[in-house]
Structures are given as structure tokens and as C-alpha cells.
């Protein structure tokens, strides 16, 4: 049986992520200036781990940065100082600590709806002590391995119910605007999909 996520286990895919580095670094700088420095960042479905790496660069040794990714192939691309955890997020995650800032961008669409609702979302809830920055592909958004396309309203309801986190509308609007200023046109799906949640 073919692996539906086989593309995301290849060296070629990790190498293709380099185009994101500059805009991630810009947005991390903006985030820290706007919201302050987190003490712990966990990226769920981290790819080459550039989000936690950029936060680590900005916050230096004050920050614990964790990158969780599907395949061991990621380890070669994760920068030093970042804790790498190999894990398939379609299954429950055990151990570790909660984070000031959790990140999960364009991951949930690669899981079936029950896997995302029953496993991923509760995991994000358990490990998010502060904020969660989340996005997932909407209906009509083409992409490799997309099997679960839902609206932002669906994710808001699901994360509030099963993750026990509350949508932070003001910060969602601010982060969407910041993403929209820097991302090129083909990638403006990201601010359209983006949601920021808070604990409590």
C-alpha cells in the first residue's frame, strides 16, 4: 500500500522548504516585537524546523525550541539548538512539556477528519499552555496529500471543543495582516487559513 505522506519523507521535500526561511524570520521578528518573547516554542509538523529556529535566534538561550516532524529525514535539516522529536501526529504524543507558543501550520489537512479531531487537536490542546498559531487547508485548496479540507469556522469550533482553547480574534486579525504583507500571491492561502487561539 502506498504511503499517502511519502512525499513528506524525502530529502527533496525538506530541501524545497528553504524558500520560506526569509519570510519566517521576518514574521518571527514581527511576532516578538508585537507579542514579546516566548520561553517555549513547539512546532507540530515542523518541516525543516525553521519556525523554532528563527524564534531561537531571536530569543537566544532563553528559549526552549522543539520541532516535531513525521520522519527521521527531518533530523538532517533541523538546526543545532532545536530539540527534534520524530513522531506521526496521527497517533497520540506522550511526554514532553507544554509551550508558551505552539505552531501547527498546514498539517491537519493531511489527516483524516477523525484523526485530526480525535488525536491532533487534543494533542495541540494538551501542549498549548499559552497560544496556538494554527492553519489548515480550506475546501478547494489543492495540495499533495490533502484529504481533510475544512473551513476556519470548522477548526475554530473543533479546537475550542476538543482542544479546550479559545479563538483570539484580535490576534488572529493582526497575524493575518502581518502574513499578508510579506507573503507572495501564491501563498496568501496561509493568512486566509490562519487562526490564533489562547489558553483560558
C-alpha atoms as a PDB file:
ATOM      1  CA  UNK A   1       0.000   0.000   0.000  1.00  0.00           C
ATOM      2  CA  UNK A   2       1.362   3.424  -0.945  1.00  0.00           C
ATOM      3  CA  UNK A   3       2.257   5.831   1.841  1.00  0.00           C
ATOM      4  CA  UNK A   4      -0.055   8.863   1.424  1.00  0.00           C
ATOM      5  CA  UNK A   5       2.567  11.014   3.155  1.00  0.00           C
ATOM      6  CA  UNK A   6       5.529   9.580   1.255  1.00  0.00           C
ATOM      7  CA  UNK A   7       6.353  12.969  -0.295  1.00  0.00           C
ATOM      8  CA  UNK A   8       6.986  14.374   3.191  1.00  0.00           C
ATOM      9  CA  UNK A   9       9.620  11.747   3.950  1.00  0.00           C
ATOM     10  CA  UNK A  10      12.031  12.731   1.177  1.00  0.00           C
ATOM     11  CA  UNK A  11      15.186  14.823   1.161  1.00  0.00           C
ATOM     12  CA  UNK A  12      13.851  16.701  -1.870  1.00  0.00           C
ATOM     13  CA  UNK A  13      10.845  17.952   0.085  1.00  0.00           C
ATOM     14  CA  UNK A  14      12.916  19.229   3.000  1.00  0.00           C
ATOM     15  CA  UNK A  15      15.284  20.973   0.581  1.00  0.00           C
ATOM     16  CA  UNK A  16      12.312  22.649  -1.106  1.00  0.00           C
ATOM     17  CA  UNK A  17      11.395  24.441   2.143  1.00  0.00           C
ATOM     18  CA  UNK A  18      14.359  26.819   2.009  1.00  0.00           C
ATOM     19  CA  UNK A  19      12.298  29.473   0.165  1.00  0.00           C
ATOM     20  CA  UNK A  20      10.329  30.021   3.398  1.00  0.00           C
ATOM     21  CA  UNK A  21      13.266  30.941   5.602  1.00  0.00           C
ATOM     22  CA  UNK A  22      13.426  34.678   4.950  1.00  0.00           C
ATOM     23  CA  UNK A  23       9.713  35.353   5.446  1.00  0.00           C
ATOM     24  CA  UNK A  24       9.595  33.137   8.532  1.00  0.00           C
ATOM     25  CA  UNK A  25      12.454  35.147  10.040  1.00  0.00           C
ATOM     26  CA  UNK A  26      10.646  38.393   9.216  1.00  0.00           C
ATOM     27  CA  UNK A  27       7.418  37.186  10.803  1.00  0.00           C
ATOM     28  CA  UNK A  28       9.176  35.890  13.915  1.00  0.00           C
ATOM     29  CA  UNK A  29      10.812  39.285  14.360  1.00  0.00           C
ATOM     30  CA  UNK A  30       7.409  40.926  13.971  1.00  0.00           C
ATOM     31  CA  UNK A  31       5.812  38.445  16.413  1.00  0.00           C
ATOM     32  CA  UNK A  32       8.399  39.074  19.138  1.00  0.00           C
ATOM     33  CA  UNK A  33       8.068  42.823  18.676  1.00  0.00           C
ATOM     34  CA  UNK A  34       4.278  42.625  18.854  1.00  0.00           C
ATOM     35  CA  UNK A  35       3.691  39.925  21.497  1.00  0.00           C
ATOM     36  CA  UNK A  36       7.009  39.510  23.324  1.00  0.00           C
ATOM     37  CA  UNK A  37       9.437  36.600  23.620  1.00  0.00           C
ATOM     38  CA  UNK A  38       8.051  33.142  24.386  1.00  0.00           C
ATOM     39  CA  UNK A  39      10.048  30.832  26.648  1.00  0.00           C
ATOM     40  CA  UNK A  40       8.984  27.625  24.890  1.00  0.00           C
ATOM     41  CA  UNK A  41       8.009  27.059  21.245  1.00  0.00           C
ATOM     42  CA  UNK A  42       6.787  23.724  19.884  1.00  0.00           C
ATOM     43  CA  UNK A  43       6.168  23.325  16.140  1.00  0.00           C
ATOM     44  CA  UNK A  44       3.874  20.395  15.322  1.00  0.00           C
ATOM     45  CA  UNK A  45       4.635  19.255  11.772  1.00  0.00           C
ATOM     46  CA  UNK A  46       7.741  21.411  11.673  1.00  0.00           C
ATOM     47  CA  UNK A  47       9.231  20.509   8.290  1.00  0.00           C
ATOM     48  CA  UNK A  48      12.843  21.700   8.491  1.00  0.00           C
ATOM     49  CA  UNK A  49      12.161  23.399  11.812  1.00  0.00           C
ATOM     50  CA  UNK A  50      12.694  26.967  10.677  1.00  0.00           C
ATOM     51  CA  UNK A  51       9.954  28.466  12.856  1.00  0.00           C
ATOM     52  CA  UNK A  52      11.518  27.229  16.143  1.00  0.00           C
ATOM     53  CA  UNK A  53      14.973  28.019  14.755  1.00  0.00           C
ATOM     54  CA  UNK A  54      14.013  31.616  13.987  1.00  0.00           C
ATOM     55  CA  UNK A  55      12.479  32.028  17.455  1.00  0.00           C
ATOM     56  CA  UNK A  56      15.642  30.533  18.969  1.00  0.00           C
ATOM     57  CA  UNK A  57      17.768  33.062  17.071  1.00  0.00           C
ATOM     58  CA  UNK A  58      15.582  35.899  18.271  1.00  0.00           C
ATOM     59  CA  UNK A  59      15.344  34.781  21.919  1.00  0.00           C
ATOM     60  CA  UNK A  60      18.768  33.130  22.281  1.00  0.00           C
ATOM     61  CA  UNK A  61      19.264  30.728  25.208  1.00  0.00           C
ATOM     62  CA  UNK A  62      16.115  31.914  26.965  1.00  0.00           C
ATOM     63  CA  UNK A  63      14.016  29.785  24.611  1.00  0.00           C
ATOM     64  CA  UNK A  64      13.331  26.054  24.538  1.00  0.00           C
ATOM     65  CA  UNK A  65      12.506  25.205  20.918  1.00  0.00           C
ATOM     66  CA  UNK A  66      11.045  21.866  19.798  1.00  0.00           C
ATOM     67  CA  UNK A  67      10.393  20.620  16.257  1.00  0.00           C
ATOM     68  CA  UNK A  68       8.060  17.630  15.822  1.00  0.00           C
ATOM     69  CA  UNK A  69       8.104  16.040  12.384  1.00  0.00           C
ATOM     70  CA  UNK A  70       6.847  12.858  10.731  1.00  0.00           C
ATOM     71  CA  UNK A  71      10.094  11.316   9.521  1.00  0.00           C
ATOM     72  CA  UNK A  72      13.685  10.949  10.673  1.00  0.00           C
ATOM     73  CA  UNK A  73      14.712  12.530   7.357  1.00  0.00           C
ATOM     74  CA  UNK A  74      13.981  15.882   9.019  1.00  0.00           C
ATOM     75  CA  UNK A  75      16.820  15.438  11.506  1.00  0.00           C
ATOM     76  CA  UNK A  76      19.428  16.365   8.894  1.00  0.00           C
ATOM     77  CA  UNK A  77      17.723  19.723   8.323  1.00  0.00           C
ATOM     78  CA  UNK A  78      16.891  20.721  11.897  1.00  0.00           C
ATOM     79  CA  UNK A  79      19.355  23.350  13.144  1.00  0.00           C
ATOM     80  CA  UNK A  80      21.505  22.883  16.257  1.00  0.00           C
ATOM     81  CA  UNK A  81      19.887  24.005  19.480  1.00  0.00           C
ATOM     82  CA  UNK A  82      16.466  22.733  18.392  1.00  0.00           C
ATOM     83  CA  UNK A  83      15.035  19.630  20.051  1.00  0.00           C
ATOM     84  CA  UNK A  84      13.901  17.247  17.320  1.00  0.00           C
ATOM     85  CA  UNK A  85      11.087  14.781  18.026  1.00  0.00           C
ATOM     86  CA  UNK A  86      10.211  12.231  15.337  1.00  0.00           C
ATOM     87  CA  UNK A  87       6.518  11.479  15.635  1.00  0.00           C
ATOM     88  CA  UNK A  88       3.497  10.764  13.445  1.00  0.00           C
ATOM     89  CA  UNK A  89       0.868  13.237  14.690  1.00  0.00           C
ATOM     90  CA  UNK A  90      -1.902  10.884  13.588  1.00  0.00           C
ATOM     91  CA  UNK A  91      -1.092   8.994  16.792  1.00  0.00           C
ATOM     92  CA  UNK A  92      -1.099  10.336  20.383  1.00  0.00           C
ATOM     93  CA  UNK A  93       2.020  12.154  21.563  1.00  0.00           C
ATOM     94  CA  UNK A  94       3.315  11.283  25.027  1.00  0.00           C
ATOM     95  CA  UNK A  95       5.790  13.046  27.291  1.00  0.00           C
ATOM     96  CA  UNK A  96       7.313  16.477  26.906  1.00  0.00           C
ATOM     97  CA  UNK A  97       6.119  19.805  28.241  1.00  0.00           C
ATOM     98  CA  UNK A  98       3.539  22.430  27.307  1.00  0.00           C
ATOM     99  CA  UNK A  99       4.581  25.560  25.419  1.00  0.00           C
ATOM    100  CA  UNK A 100       4.023  29.300  25.558  1.00  0.00           C
ATOM    101  CA  UNK A 101       3.586  29.170  21.789  1.00  0.00           C
ATOM    102  CA  UNK A 102       2.501  26.129  19.791  1.00  0.00           C
ATOM    103  CA  UNK A 103       2.607  26.197  15.992  1.00  0.00           C
ATOM    104  CA  UNK A 104       0.739  23.860  13.648  1.00  0.00           C
ATOM    105  CA  UNK A 105       0.617  25.163  10.078  1.00  0.00           C
ATOM    106  CA  UNK A 106      -0.910  23.276   7.127  1.00  0.00           C
ATOM    107  CA  UNK A 107      -0.760  19.868   8.825  1.00  0.00           C
ATOM    108  CA  UNK A 108      -4.333  18.851   9.674  1.00  0.00           C
ATOM    109  CA  UNK A 109      -5.435  18.574   6.043  1.00  0.00           C
ATOM    110  CA  UNK A 110      -3.094  15.598   5.640  1.00  0.00           C
ATOM    111  CA  UNK A 111      -5.039  13.543   8.188  1.00  0.00           C
ATOM    112  CA  UNK A 112      -8.484  12.069   8.033  1.00  0.00           C
ATOM    113  CA  UNK A 113     -11.136  14.109   9.821  1.00  0.00           C
ATOM    114  CA  UNK A 114     -11.336  11.658  12.772  1.00  0.00           C
ATOM    115  CA  UNK A 115      -7.527  11.594  13.119  1.00  0.00           C
ATOM    116  CA  UNK A 116      -7.359  15.381  13.218  1.00  0.00           C
ATOM    117  CA  UNK A 117     -10.345  15.828  15.529  1.00  0.00           C
ATOM    118  CA  UNK A 118      -9.664  12.946  17.918  1.00  0.00           C
ATOM    119  CA  UNK A 119      -5.856  12.933  18.001  1.00  0.00           C
ATOM    120  CA  UNK A 120      -4.187  16.080  16.629  1.00  0.00           C
ATOM    121  CA  UNK A 121      -6.491  18.706  18.136  1.00  0.00           C
ATOM    122  CA  UNK A 122      -6.462  17.224  21.677  1.00  0.00           C
ATOM    123  CA  UNK A 123      -2.668  16.962  21.401  1.00  0.00           C
ATOM    124  CA  UNK A 124      -2.421  20.650  20.494  1.00  0.00           C
ATOM    125  CA  UNK A 125      -4.681  21.474  23.421  1.00  0.00           C
ATOM    126  CA  UNK A 126      -2.605  19.470  25.904  1.00  0.00           C
ATOM    127  CA  UNK A 127       0.676  21.012  24.814  1.00  0.00           C
ATOM    128  CA  UNK A 128      -0.500  24.639  24.472  1.00  0.00           C
ATOM    129  CA  UNK A 129      -0.120  26.487  27.765  1.00  0.00           C
ATOM    130  CA  UNK A 130      -0.331  29.901  26.120  1.00  0.00           C
ATOM    131  CA  UNK A 131      -1.022  30.477  22.432  1.00  0.00           C
ATOM    132  CA  UNK A 132      -1.566  28.254  19.406  1.00  0.00           C
ATOM    133  CA  UNK A 133      -0.922  29.522  15.874  1.00  0.00           C
ATOM    134  CA  UNK A 134      -2.836  27.156  13.583  1.00  0.00           C
ATOM    135  CA  UNK A 135      -3.747  26.875   9.919  1.00  0.00           C
ATOM    136  CA  UNK A 136      -5.161  24.152   7.681  1.00  0.00           C
ATOM    137  CA  UNK A 137      -6.213  23.992   4.041  1.00  0.00           C
ATOM    138  CA  UNK A 138      -9.756  25.014   3.176  1.00  0.00           C
ATOM    139  CA  UNK A 139     -12.134  23.370   0.675  1.00  0.00           C
ATOM    140  CA  UNK A 140     -10.824  23.907  -2.841  1.00  0.00           C
ATOM    141  CA  UNK A 141      -7.187  24.317  -1.777  1.00  0.00           C
ATOM    142  CA  UNK A 142      -5.197  21.861  -3.847  1.00  0.00           C
ATOM    143  CA  UNK A 143      -2.090  20.192  -2.478  1.00  0.00           C
ATOM    144  CA  UNK A 144      -0.207  16.924  -2.135  1.00  0.00           C
ATOM    145  CA  UNK A 145      -1.903  14.529   0.245  1.00  0.00           C
ATOM    146  CA  UNK A 146      -4.856  16.769   1.128  1.00  0.00           C
ATOM    147  CA  UNK A 147      -7.607  14.529   2.480  1.00  0.00           C
ATOM    148  CA  UNK A 148      -9.374  16.729   5.050  1.00  0.00           C
ATOM    149  CA  UNK A 149     -10.344  20.182   3.789  1.00  0.00           C
ATOM    150  CA  UNK A 150     -12.329  22.216   6.316  1.00  0.00           C
ATOM    151  CA  UNK A 151     -13.311  25.855   6.829  1.00  0.00           C
ATOM    152  CA  UNK A 152     -11.767  28.108   9.517  1.00  0.00           C
ATOM    153  CA  UNK A 153     -15.155  28.050  11.277  1.00  0.00           C
ATOM    154  CA  UNK A 154     -14.926  24.257  11.485  1.00  0.00           C
ATOM    155  CA  UNK A 155     -11.444  24.455  13.011  1.00  0.00           C
ATOM    156  CA  UNK A 156     -12.489  27.176  15.434  1.00  0.00           C
ATOM    157  CA  UNK A 157     -15.343  25.007  16.708  1.00  0.00           C
ATOM    158  CA  UNK A 158     -13.229  21.842  16.795  1.00  0.00           C
ATOM    159  CA  UNK A 159     -10.244  23.378  18.574  1.00  0.00           C
ATOM    160  CA  UNK A 160     -12.443  25.157  21.088  1.00  0.00           C
ATOM    161  CA  UNK A 161     -14.400  21.961  21.812  1.00  0.00           C
ATOM    162  CA  UNK A 162     -11.700  19.276  21.676  1.00  0.00           C
ATOM    163  CA  UNK A 163      -8.562  21.323  22.323  1.00  0.00           C
ATOM    164  CA  UNK A 164     -10.093  23.483  25.062  1.00  0.00           C
ATOM    165  CA  UNK A 165      -8.539  26.628  23.561  1.00  0.00           C
ATOM    166  CA  UNK A 166     -10.329  29.873  22.731  1.00  0.00           C
ATOM    167  CA  UNK A 167     -10.066  31.733  19.435  1.00  0.00           C
ATOM    168  CA  UNK A 168      -8.232  35.036  19.934  1.00  0.00           C
ATOM    169  CA  UNK A 169      -9.902  37.160  17.292  1.00  0.00           C
ATOM    170  CA  UNK A 170      -7.805  40.299  17.755  1.00  0.00           C
ATOM    171  CA  UNK A 171      -4.502  38.468  17.450  1.00  0.00           C
ATOM    172  CA  UNK A 172      -5.797  36.390  14.560  1.00  0.00           C
ATOM    173  CA  UNK A 173      -6.537  39.609  12.659  1.00  0.00           C
ATOM    174  CA  UNK A 174      -3.105  41.079  13.463  1.00  0.00           C
ATOM    175  CA  UNK A 175      -1.185  37.959  12.454  1.00  0.00           C
ATOM    176  CA  UNK A 176      -3.183  37.546   9.232  1.00  0.00           C
ATOM    177  CA  UNK A 177      -2.363  41.133   8.303  1.00  0.00           C
ATOM    178  CA  UNK A 178       1.351  40.631   9.009  1.00  0.00           C
ATOM    179  CA  UNK A 179       1.425  37.417   6.938  1.00  0.00           C
ATOM    180  CA  UNK A 180      -0.409  39.155   4.101  1.00  0.00           C
ATOM    181  CA  UNK A 181       2.196  41.928   3.930  1.00  0.00           C
ATOM    182  CA  UNK A 182       5.142  39.591   3.369  1.00  0.00           C
ATOM    183  CA  UNK A 183       3.868  36.501   1.534  1.00  0.00           C
ATOM    184  CA  UNK A 184       3.808  36.353  -2.287  1.00  0.00           C
ATOM    185  CA  UNK A 185       0.430  35.914  -4.001  1.00  0.00           C
ATOM    186  CA  UNK A 186       0.580  32.111  -4.477  1.00  0.00           C
ATOM    187  CA  UNK A 187       0.903  31.652  -0.714  1.00  0.00           C
ATOM    188  CA  UNK A 188      -1.798  34.002   0.515  1.00  0.00           C
ATOM    189  CA  UNK A 189      -3.846  30.941   1.435  1.00  0.00           C
ATOM    190  CA  UNK A 190      -1.809  30.933   4.648  1.00  0.00           C
ATOM    191  CA  UNK A 191      -3.183  34.176   6.155  1.00  0.00           C
ATOM    192  CA  UNK A 192      -6.659  33.200   4.944  1.00  0.00           C
ATOM    193  CA  UNK A 193      -6.382  29.912   6.854  1.00  0.00           C
ATOM    194  CA  UNK A 194      -4.609  31.242   9.931  1.00  0.00           C
ATOM    195  CA  UNK A 195      -6.152  31.243  13.416  1.00  0.00           C
ATOM    196  CA  UNK A 196      -4.662  32.180  16.798  1.00  0.00           C
ATOM    197  CA  UNK A 197      -6.002  30.534  19.945  1.00  0.00           C
ATOM    198  CA  UNK A 198      -5.293  31.153  23.609  1.00  0.00           C
ATOM    199  CA  UNK A 199      -5.496  29.142  26.796  1.00  0.00           C
ATOM    200  CA  UNK A 200      -8.409  30.068  29.059  1.00  0.00           C
END
